[in-house]
Protein backbone atom coordinates (compact mmCIF):
# COMPACT_ATOMS: atom_id res chain seq x y z
CA MET A 1 0.02 0.17 -0.04
CA ASP A 2 1.29 3.60 -0.95
CA LEU A 3 0.64 6.92 0.97
CA LYS A 4 -2.14 7.70 -1.45
CA GLN A 5 -4.15 4.39 -0.97
CA ALA A 6 -3.43 4.73 2.86
CA MET A 7 -4.80 8.15 3.08
CA SER A 8 -7.82 6.91 1.15
CA ALA A 9 -8.50 3.92 3.18
CA LEU A 10 -8.21 6.21 6.28
CA GLN A 11 -10.84 8.77 4.70
CA SER A 12 -13.15 5.97 3.53
CA LEU A 13 -13.23 4.80 7.52
CA ALA A 14 -13.64 8.16 8.75
CA ARG A 15 -16.73 8.67 11.21
CA GLU A 16 -17.81 12.06 12.33
CA SER A 17 -18.58 11.04 15.73
CA CYS A 18 -15.38 9.67 16.32
CA LYS A 19 -13.88 12.89 15.21
CA LYS A 20 -15.73 15.02 17.49
CA THR A 21 -14.77 12.65 20.27
CA TYR A 22 -10.86 13.13 19.22
CA LEU A 23 -10.89 16.69 19.10
CA ARG A 24 -12.53 16.91 22.51
CA HIS A 25 -9.56 14.59 23.80
CA GLY A 26 -6.96 17.17 22.33
CA ALA A 27 -6.67 15.73 18.70
CA ARG A 28 -5.85 18.45 16.04
CA GLU A 29 -7.17 18.95 12.54
CA PRO A 30 -6.29 17.53 10.25
CA LEU A 31 -7.83 14.25 11.12
CA TYR A 32 -10.94 12.11 9.94
CA GLY A 33 -11.79 10.28 12.76
CA VAL A 34 -10.79 6.55 12.48
CA LEU A 35 -11.67 4.13 15.01
CA THR A 36 -8.55 2.63 16.83
CA GLY A 37 -10.17 -1.05 15.82
CA ASP A 38 -10.13 0.12 11.94
CA LEU A 39 -6.79 1.51 12.24
CA ASN A 40 -5.46 -1.91 13.60
CA GLN A 41 -7.40 -3.40 10.72
CA LEU A 42 -5.30 -1.61 8.33
CA LYS A 43 -2.26 -2.09 10.30
CA LYS A 44 -2.75 -6.14 9.47
CA GLN A 45 -3.32 -5.24 5.64
CA ILE A 46 -0.21 -3.41 5.59
CA GLY A 47 2.26 -5.08 8.10
CA VAL A 48 5.46 -3.45 8.77
CA ASP A 49 6.34 -0.61 6.12
CA HIS A 50 8.72 1.92 7.53
CA ALA A 51 8.97 3.99 4.39
CA LEU A 52 5.12 4.25 4.53
CA ALA A 53 5.22 4.99 8.28
CA LEU A 54 7.53 7.88 7.88
CA ALA A 55 5.28 9.36 5.28
CA LEU A 56 2.25 8.85 7.00
CA ILE A 57 3.50 10.44 10.42
CA ALA A 58 4.78 13.43 8.12
CA THR A 59 1.35 14.33 6.84
CA GLY A 60 0.20 15.67 10.31
CA ASN A 61 -3.05 13.90 9.91
CA ALA A 62 -3.91 12.47 13.45
CA ASP A 63 -5.22 9.29 12.16
CA ALA A 64 -2.37 8.85 9.68
CA ARG A 65 0.21 9.46 12.48
CA ILE A 66 -1.13 6.75 14.61
CA LEU A 67 -1.37 4.47 11.63
CA GLY A 68 2.38 5.39 11.09
CA PHE A 69 3.26 4.43 14.48
CA LEU A 70 1.72 1.19 14.13
CA VAL A 71 3.36 0.17 10.74
CA ALA A 72 6.73 1.56 11.65
CA ASP A 73 9.61 -0.71 12.08
CA PRO A 74 10.82 -0.49 15.50
CA GLU A 75 14.45 -1.77 14.44
CA ARG A 76 14.98 1.08 12.25
CA LEU A 77 14.14 4.03 14.56
CA ASP A 78 16.82 6.47 15.23
CA ALA A 79 16.85 9.09 18.43
CA ASP A 80 16.63 12.02 16.03
CA THR A 81 13.43 10.76 14.02
CA VAL A 82 11.82 10.03 17.46
CA GLN A 83 12.81 13.28 18.78
CA GLY A 84 11.19 15.14 15.82
CA TRP A 85 8.01 13.00 16.12
CA LEU A 86 7.80 14.07 19.66
CA GLY A 87 7.66 17.84 18.79
CA GLY A 88 4.43 17.03 16.76
CA ILE A 89 2.88 15.11 19.58
CA ALA A 90 -0.86 16.73 19.98
CA TRP A 91 -2.56 14.32 22.06
CA PRO A 92 -2.61 11.42 24.11
CA LEU A 93 -3.23 8.80 21.63
CA ASP A 94 -0.06 9.97 19.90
CA THR A 95 1.97 9.68 23.01
CA TYR A 96 0.49 6.19 23.70
CA TYR A 97 1.51 4.63 20.29
CA LEU A 98 4.79 6.06 19.91
CA GLY A 99 5.59 4.97 23.27
CA GLN A 100 4.33 1.44 22.24
CA LEU A 101 6.49 1.77 18.93
CA LEU A 102 9.56 3.02 20.95
CA GLY A 103 9.29 0.25 23.63
CA LYS A 104 9.90 -2.37 21.11
CA SER A 105 12.86 -0.60 19.75
CA PRO A 106 16.38 -1.26 20.78
CA ILE A 107 17.08 2.37 21.39
CA TRP A 108 14.32 2.99 23.91
CA ARG A 109 16.82 3.32 26.64
CA THR A 110 18.83 5.70 24.70
CA CYS A 111 15.77 7.68 23.77
CA LEU A 112 14.57 7.83 27.32
CA THR A 113 17.82 9.04 28.91
CA ARG A 114 18.36 11.48 25.99
CA PHE A 115 14.78 13.05 26.12
CA LEU A 116 14.49 13.10 30.10
CA SER A 117 18.07 14.80 30.75
């Protein structure tokens, strides 16, 4: 799946009620309002695709960022990229999914030390 297909899939799964809930909990536009269960289904379809993950996260779309964190390859993370992603954190779900990804990465301890000092 490429970026255009992924964004189209996200848009097709948009739910206005979910979008309103996400906005109420701190998400920022742009976002579609895709349920986390639907994001997990997309993750299963995509598998691990680090290049797609980087592109999804770079869109700034809240749903795309989460999907990006889900399909990123934890083995390919580097501290500078993670630090850049931290700068774009807008709401708790970003923090949760980035934390889940980072926790699977061999650089988690380096990042923790670097970001907390």
